[in-house]
């Protein structure tokens, strides 16, 4: 076994400590970067869920208006339907734009 003087033992311990601090720093930096990326994806997912829920609610409003008109033949029941139809198209376009990056990522991973 290698015999080191007290001074060399202290220097070796100090050097090992410095290396460990750098390793912890690098791992912490990578962890923080991954957390930031995950946060962006969570926000994106929340936008997709919110837009999907808005589309669902508009579809329900339109269906309710059509059902009310079909049951009563009263055109005032078509107001929710007439208000919902243009918004559905707009929200579906937004939803399509939100998920296009996911589709690209999936297509790239399949190839």
N, C-alpha and C. Protein backbone atom coordinates (compact mmCIF):
# COMPACT_ATOMS: atom_id res chain seq x y z
N UNK A 1 0.83 -1.17 0.00
CA UNK A 1 0.00 0.00 0.00
C UNK A 1 0.89 1.24 0.00
N UNK A 2 0.42 2.26 -0.70
CA UNK A 2 1.18 3.50 -0.86
C UNK A 2 1.09 4.33 0.41
N UNK A 3 2.25 4.70 0.94
CA UNK A 3 2.31 5.54 2.14
C UNK A 3 2.45 7.00 1.71
N UNK A 4 1.49 7.83 2.13
CA UNK A 4 1.54 9.25 1.81
C UNK A 4 1.79 10.04 3.09
N UNK A 5 2.47 11.13 2.92
CA UNK A 5 2.68 12.01 4.07
C UNK A 5 1.35 12.67 4.42
N UNK A 6 1.26 13.22 5.61
CA UNK A 6 0.04 13.86 6.06
C UNK A 6 -0.38 14.98 5.10
N UNK A 7 0.58 15.73 4.64
CA UNK A 7 0.31 16.84 3.71
C UNK A 7 -0.28 16.30 2.42
N UNK A 8 0.28 15.22 1.87
CA UNK A 8 -0.24 14.65 0.62
C UNK A 8 -1.62 14.03 0.83
N UNK A 9 -1.85 13.48 2.02
CA UNK A 9 -3.18 12.94 2.31
C UNK A 9 -4.22 14.05 2.33
N UNK A 10 -3.88 15.17 2.92
CA UNK A 10 -4.79 16.32 2.97
C UNK A 10 -5.04 16.85 1.56
N UNK A 11 -3.99 16.97 0.76
CA UNK A 11 -4.15 17.45 -0.61
C UNK A 11 -4.99 16.48 -1.44
N UNK A 12 -4.77 15.18 -1.26
CA UNK A 12 -5.57 14.18 -1.99
C UNK A 12 -7.03 14.27 -1.58
N UNK A 13 -7.28 14.41 -0.30
CA UNK A 13 -8.66 14.56 0.18
C UNK A 13 -9.31 15.82 -0.37
N UNK A 14 -8.55 16.90 -0.39
CA UNK A 14 -9.06 18.15 -0.94
C UNK A 14 -9.36 18.01 -2.43
N UNK A 15 -8.48 17.35 -3.17
CA UNK A 15 -8.67 17.16 -4.62
C UNK A 15 -9.91 16.30 -4.88
N UNK A 16 -10.07 15.24 -4.10
CA UNK A 16 -11.25 14.38 -4.25
C UNK A 16 -12.51 15.17 -3.93
N UNK A 17 -12.46 16.01 -2.91
CA UNK A 17 -13.62 16.83 -2.54
C UNK A 17 -13.99 17.79 -3.67
N UNK A 18 -12.99 18.41 -4.27
CA UNK A 18 -13.24 19.34 -5.38
C UNK A 18 -13.87 18.60 -6.55
N UNK A 19 -13.35 17.42 -6.88
CA UNK A 19 -13.91 16.63 -7.98
C UNK A 19 -15.36 16.27 -7.68
N UNK A 20 -15.65 15.86 -6.45
CA UNK A 20 -17.02 15.51 -6.08
C UNK A 20 -17.94 16.72 -6.15
N UNK A 21 -17.46 17.88 -5.76
CA UNK A 21 -18.28 19.10 -5.85
C UNK A 21 -18.61 19.40 -7.31
N UNK A 22 -17.64 19.25 -8.20
CA UNK A 22 -17.90 19.48 -9.63
C UNK A 22 -18.89 18.46 -10.18
N UNK A 23 -18.77 17.22 -9.78
CA UNK A 23 -19.71 16.20 -10.25
C UNK A 23 -21.13 16.52 -9.77
N UNK A 24 -21.26 16.90 -8.50
CA UNK A 24 -22.58 17.27 -7.97
C UNK A 24 -23.11 18.49 -8.70
N UNK A 25 -22.25 19.46 -8.99
CA UNK A 25 -22.68 20.65 -9.72
C UNK A 25 -23.18 20.31 -11.12
N UNK A 26 -22.46 19.45 -11.81
CA UNK A 26 -22.87 19.05 -13.17
C UNK A 26 -24.20 18.30 -13.12
N UNK A 27 -24.33 17.37 -12.18
CA UNK A 27 -25.59 16.62 -12.07
C UNK A 27 -26.75 17.53 -11.68
N UNK A 28 -26.49 18.51 -10.82
CA UNK A 28 -27.54 19.46 -10.44
C UNK A 28 -27.96 20.31 -11.64
N UNK A 29 -27.00 20.75 -12.43
CA UNK A 29 -27.29 21.54 -13.62
C UNK A 29 -28.16 20.74 -14.60
N UNK A 30 -27.78 19.48 -14.82
CA UNK A 30 -28.57 18.63 -15.72
C UNK A 30 -29.98 18.42 -15.18
N UNK A 31 -30.09 18.23 -13.88
CA UNK A 31 -31.39 18.03 -13.26
C UNK A 31 -32.27 19.26 -13.41
N UNK A 32 -31.69 20.44 -13.23
CA UNK A 32 -32.45 21.69 -13.37
C UNK A 32 -32.90 21.88 -14.82
N UNK A 33 -32.04 21.58 -15.77
CA UNK A 33 -32.41 21.70 -17.18
C UNK A 33 -33.56 20.74 -17.52
N UNK A 34 -33.50 19.52 -16.98
CA UNK A 34 -34.57 18.55 -17.22
C UNK A 34 -35.87 19.02 -16.59
N UNK A 35 -35.78 19.61 -15.41
CA UNK A 35 -36.97 20.16 -14.74
C UNK A 35 -37.59 21.27 -15.57
N UNK A 36 -36.77 22.15 -16.13
CA UNK A 36 -37.29 23.23 -16.97
C UNK A 36 -37.99 22.67 -18.20
N UNK A 37 -37.38 21.66 -18.83
CA UNK A 37 -38.00 21.05 -20.01
C UNK A 37 -39.31 20.37 -19.64
N UNK A 38 -39.33 19.67 -18.52
CA UNK A 38 -40.55 19.02 -18.08
C UNK A 38 -41.65 20.03 -17.78
N UNK A 39 -41.27 21.17 -17.21
CA UNK A 39 -42.25 22.21 -16.91
C UNK A 39 -42.87 22.76 -18.19
N UNK A 40 -42.07 22.94 -19.21
CA UNK A 40 -42.58 23.41 -20.50
C UNK A 40 -43.59 22.40 -21.05
N UNK A 41 -43.25 21.10 -20.96
CA UNK A 41 -44.16 20.08 -21.48
C UNK A 41 -45.45 19.99 -20.65
N UNK A 42 -45.36 20.20 -19.34
CA UNK A 42 -46.56 20.19 -18.50
C UNK A 42 -47.46 21.36 -18.88
N UNK A 43 -46.88 22.55 -19.07
CA UNK A 43 -47.67 23.71 -19.50
C UNK A 43 -48.33 23.45 -20.85
N UNK A 44 -47.58 22.85 -21.75
CA UNK A 44 -48.11 22.52 -23.08
C UNK A 44 -49.28 21.54 -22.96
N UNK A 45 -49.10 20.53 -22.13
CA UNK A 45 -50.15 19.53 -21.94
C UNK A 45 -51.39 20.17 -21.34
N UNK A 46 -51.21 21.09 -20.40
CA UNK A 46 -52.35 21.78 -19.82
C UNK A 46 -53.11 22.60 -20.86
N UNK A 47 -52.39 23.23 -21.79
CA UNK A 47 -53.04 23.97 -22.87
C UNK A 47 -53.84 23.03 -23.77
N UNK A 48 -53.28 21.87 -24.07
CA UNK A 48 -53.99 20.89 -24.91
C UNK A 48 -55.25 20.42 -24.20
N UNK A 49 -55.15 20.12 -22.93
CA UNK A 49 -56.32 19.66 -22.16
C UNK A 49 -57.38 20.76 -22.11
N UNK A 50 -56.96 21.99 -21.85
CA UNK A 50 -57.91 23.10 -21.77
C UNK A 50 -58.62 23.30 -23.11
N UNK A 51 -57.88 23.28 -24.19
CA UNK A 51 -58.49 23.46 -25.52
C UNK A 51 -59.42 22.30 -25.84
N UNK A 52 -59.02 21.09 -25.49
CA UNK A 52 -59.88 19.93 -25.72
C UNK A 52 -61.18 20.05 -24.94
N UNK A 53 -61.09 20.49 -23.70
CA UNK A 53 -62.30 20.68 -22.90
C UNK A 53 -63.19 21.77 -23.47
N UNK A 54 -62.59 22.82 -24.01
CA UNK A 54 -63.38 23.88 -24.64
C UNK A 54 -64.10 23.35 -25.88
N UNK A 55 -63.42 22.52 -26.68
CA UNK A 55 -64.06 21.91 -27.86
C UNK A 55 -65.22 21.04 -27.42
N UNK A 56 -65.00 20.24 -26.38
CA UNK A 56 -66.07 19.37 -25.87
C UNK A 56 -67.26 20.19 -25.42
N UNK A 57 -67.02 21.27 -24.69
CA UNK A 57 -68.11 22.10 -24.21
C UNK A 57 -68.86 22.75 -25.37
N UNK A 58 -68.14 23.19 -26.39
CA UNK A 58 -68.81 23.78 -27.57
C UNK A 58 -69.64 22.74 -28.29
N UNK A 59 -69.14 21.52 -28.40
CA UNK A 59 -69.91 20.45 -29.04
C UNK A 59 -71.18 20.14 -28.25
N UNK A 60 -71.05 20.14 -26.92
CA UNK A 60 -72.23 19.90 -26.08
C UNK A 60 -73.23 21.03 -26.26
N UNK A 61 -72.75 22.28 -26.31
CA UNK A 61 -73.66 23.42 -26.51
C UNK A 61 -74.38 23.32 -27.85
N UNK A 62 -73.63 22.97 -28.90
CA UNK A 62 -74.25 22.83 -30.21
C UNK A 62 -75.26 21.70 -30.24
N UNK A 63 -74.92 20.59 -29.62
CA UNK A 63 -75.83 19.44 -29.58
C UNK A 63 -77.09 19.77 -28.78
N UNK A 64 -76.91 20.51 -27.69
CA UNK A 64 -78.06 20.90 -26.87
C UNK A 64 -78.99 21.82 -27.67
N UNK A 65 -78.41 22.76 -28.39
CA UNK A 65 -79.23 23.65 -29.21
C UNK A 65 -79.99 22.91 -30.30
N UNK A 66 -79.32 21.95 -30.94
CA UNK A 66 -79.99 21.16 -31.99
C UNK A 66 -81.10 20.31 -31.39
N UNK A 67 -80.85 19.73 -30.23
CA UNK A 67 -81.86 18.90 -29.59
C UNK A 67 -83.07 19.74 -29.18
N UNK A 68 -82.81 20.94 -28.64
CA UNK A 68 -83.91 21.83 -28.26
C UNK A 68 -84.73 22.25 -29.47
N UNK A 69 -84.04 22.55 -30.57
CA UNK A 69 -84.77 22.92 -31.80
C UNK A 69 -85.55 21.74 -32.35
N UNK A 70 -84.92 20.57 -32.33
CA UNK A 70 -85.61 19.38 -32.85
C UNK A 70 -86.85 19.02 -32.04
N UNK A 71 -86.81 19.28 -30.75
CA UNK A 71 -87.94 18.93 -29.89
C UNK A 71 -89.06 19.97 -29.98
N UNK A 72 -88.70 21.24 -30.20
CA UNK A 72 -89.72 22.29 -30.13
C UNK A 72 -89.95 23.03 -31.44
N UNK A 73 -89.03 22.91 -32.38
CA UNK A 73 -89.06 23.66 -33.64
C UNK A 73 -89.01 25.17 -33.39
N UNK A 74 -88.51 25.56 -32.24
CA UNK A 74 -88.36 26.97 -31.89
C UNK A 74 -86.93 27.39 -32.23
N UNK A 75 -86.80 28.37 -33.13
CA UNK A 75 -85.48 28.75 -33.63
C UNK A 75 -84.59 29.42 -32.57
N UNK A 76 -85.17 29.86 -31.48
CA UNK A 76 -84.33 30.46 -30.44
C UNK A 76 -83.42 29.41 -29.80
N UNK A 77 -83.81 28.15 -29.88
CA UNK A 77 -82.96 27.09 -29.35
C UNK A 77 -81.72 26.86 -30.22
N UNK A 78 -81.73 27.40 -31.45
CA UNK A 78 -80.56 27.27 -32.32
C UNK A 78 -79.46 28.27 -32.00
N UNK A 79 -79.73 29.24 -31.13
CA UNK A 79 -78.71 30.23 -30.78
C UNK A 79 -77.43 29.60 -30.24
N UNK A 80 -77.50 28.66 -29.29
CA UNK A 80 -76.24 28.05 -28.83
C UNK A 80 -75.52 27.29 -29.95
N UNK A 81 -76.28 26.66 -30.82
CA UNK A 81 -75.69 25.94 -31.95
C UNK A 81 -74.99 26.90 -32.90
N UNK A 82 -75.69 27.97 -33.26
CA UNK A 82 -75.11 28.95 -34.18
C UNK A 82 -73.89 29.66 -33.58
N UNK A 83 -73.88 29.83 -32.28
CA UNK A 83 -72.72 30.45 -31.62
C UNK A 83 -71.55 29.47 -31.52
N UNK A 84 -71.84 28.19 -31.38
CA UNK A 84 -70.79 27.19 -31.14
C UNK A 84 -70.07 26.77 -32.42
N UNK A 85 -70.77 26.68 -33.53
CA UNK A 85 -70.18 26.11 -34.76
C UNK A 85 -68.92 26.86 -35.21
N UNK A 86 -68.91 28.19 -35.32
CA UNK A 86 -67.66 28.84 -35.75
C UNK A 86 -66.53 28.69 -34.73
N UNK A 87 -66.90 28.67 -33.46
CA UNK A 87 -65.88 28.53 -32.42
C UNK A 87 -65.27 27.12 -32.43
N UNK A 88 -66.07 26.12 -32.77
CA UNK A 88 -65.55 24.74 -32.82
C UNK A 88 -64.43 24.65 -33.84
N UNK A 89 -64.65 25.20 -35.01
CA UNK A 89 -63.62 25.17 -36.05
C UNK A 89 -62.36 25.88 -35.59
N UNK A 90 -62.53 27.03 -34.96
CA UNK A 90 -61.38 27.79 -34.47
C UNK A 90 -60.61 27.02 -33.40
N UNK A 91 -61.33 26.42 -32.47
CA UNK A 91 -60.69 25.67 -31.39
C UNK A 91 -60.02 24.38 -31.92
N UNK A 92 -60.64 23.74 -32.90
CA UNK A 92 -60.01 22.56 -33.49
C UNK A 92 -58.72 22.92 -34.21
N UNK A 93 -58.70 24.08 -34.84
CA UNK A 93 -57.48 24.56 -35.49
C UNK A 93 -56.39 24.82 -34.44
N UNK A 94 -56.77 25.46 -33.33
CA UNK A 94 -55.82 25.70 -32.25
C UNK A 94 -55.29 24.37 -31.69
N UNK A 95 -56.18 23.43 -31.50
CA UNK A 95 -55.79 22.13 -30.97
C UNK A 95 -54.85 21.41 -31.93
N UNK A 96 -55.14 21.50 -33.21
CA UNK A 96 -54.27 20.89 -34.21
C UNK A 96 -52.87 21.50 -34.17
N UNK A 97 -52.80 22.82 -34.02
CA UNK A 97 -51.50 23.48 -33.93
C UNK A 97 -50.76 23.12 -32.65
N UNK A 98 -51.50 22.90 -31.57
CA UNK A 98 -50.86 22.54 -30.31
C UNK A 98 -50.24 21.14 -30.35
N UNK A 99 -50.88 20.23 -31.05
CA UNK A 99 -50.39 18.84 -31.04
C UNK A 99 -49.51 18.51 -32.24
N UNK A 100 -49.27 19.47 -33.12
CA UNK A 100 -48.46 19.18 -34.31
C UNK A 100 -47.02 18.82 -33.91
N UNK A 101 -46.49 19.45 -32.86
CA UNK A 101 -45.13 19.11 -32.42
C UNK A 101 -45.07 17.70 -31.86
N UNK A 102 -46.13 17.27 -31.22
CA UNK A 102 -46.17 15.91 -30.69
C UNK A 102 -46.22 14.91 -31.84
N UNK A 103 -47.01 15.23 -32.86
CA UNK A 103 -47.08 14.33 -34.03
C UNK A 103 -45.73 14.23 -34.71
N UNK A 104 -45.03 15.35 -34.85
CA UNK A 104 -43.70 15.33 -35.47
C UNK A 104 -42.73 14.48 -34.65
N UNK A 105 -42.80 14.63 -33.34
CA UNK A 105 -41.91 13.87 -32.46
C UNK A 105 -42.22 12.37 -32.57
N UNK A 106 -43.49 12.01 -32.61
CA UNK A 106 -43.88 10.60 -32.74
C UNK A 106 -43.44 10.04 -34.10
N UNK A 107 -43.63 10.81 -35.16
CA UNK A 107 -43.22 10.35 -36.48
C UNK A 107 -41.71 10.17 -36.55
N UNK A 108 -40.96 11.06 -35.91
CA UNK A 108 -39.51 10.95 -35.91
C UNK A 108 -39.04 9.73 -35.12
N UNK A 109 -39.75 9.42 -34.04
CA UNK A 109 -39.34 8.27 -33.23
C UNK A 109 -39.70 6.95 -33.89
N UNK A 110 -40.72 6.96 -34.75
CA UNK A 110 -41.13 5.74 -35.46
C UNK A 110 -40.11 5.39 -36.54
N UNK A 111 -39.56 6.40 -37.17
CA UNK A 111 -38.64 6.18 -38.29
C UNK A 111 -37.33 5.73 -37.82
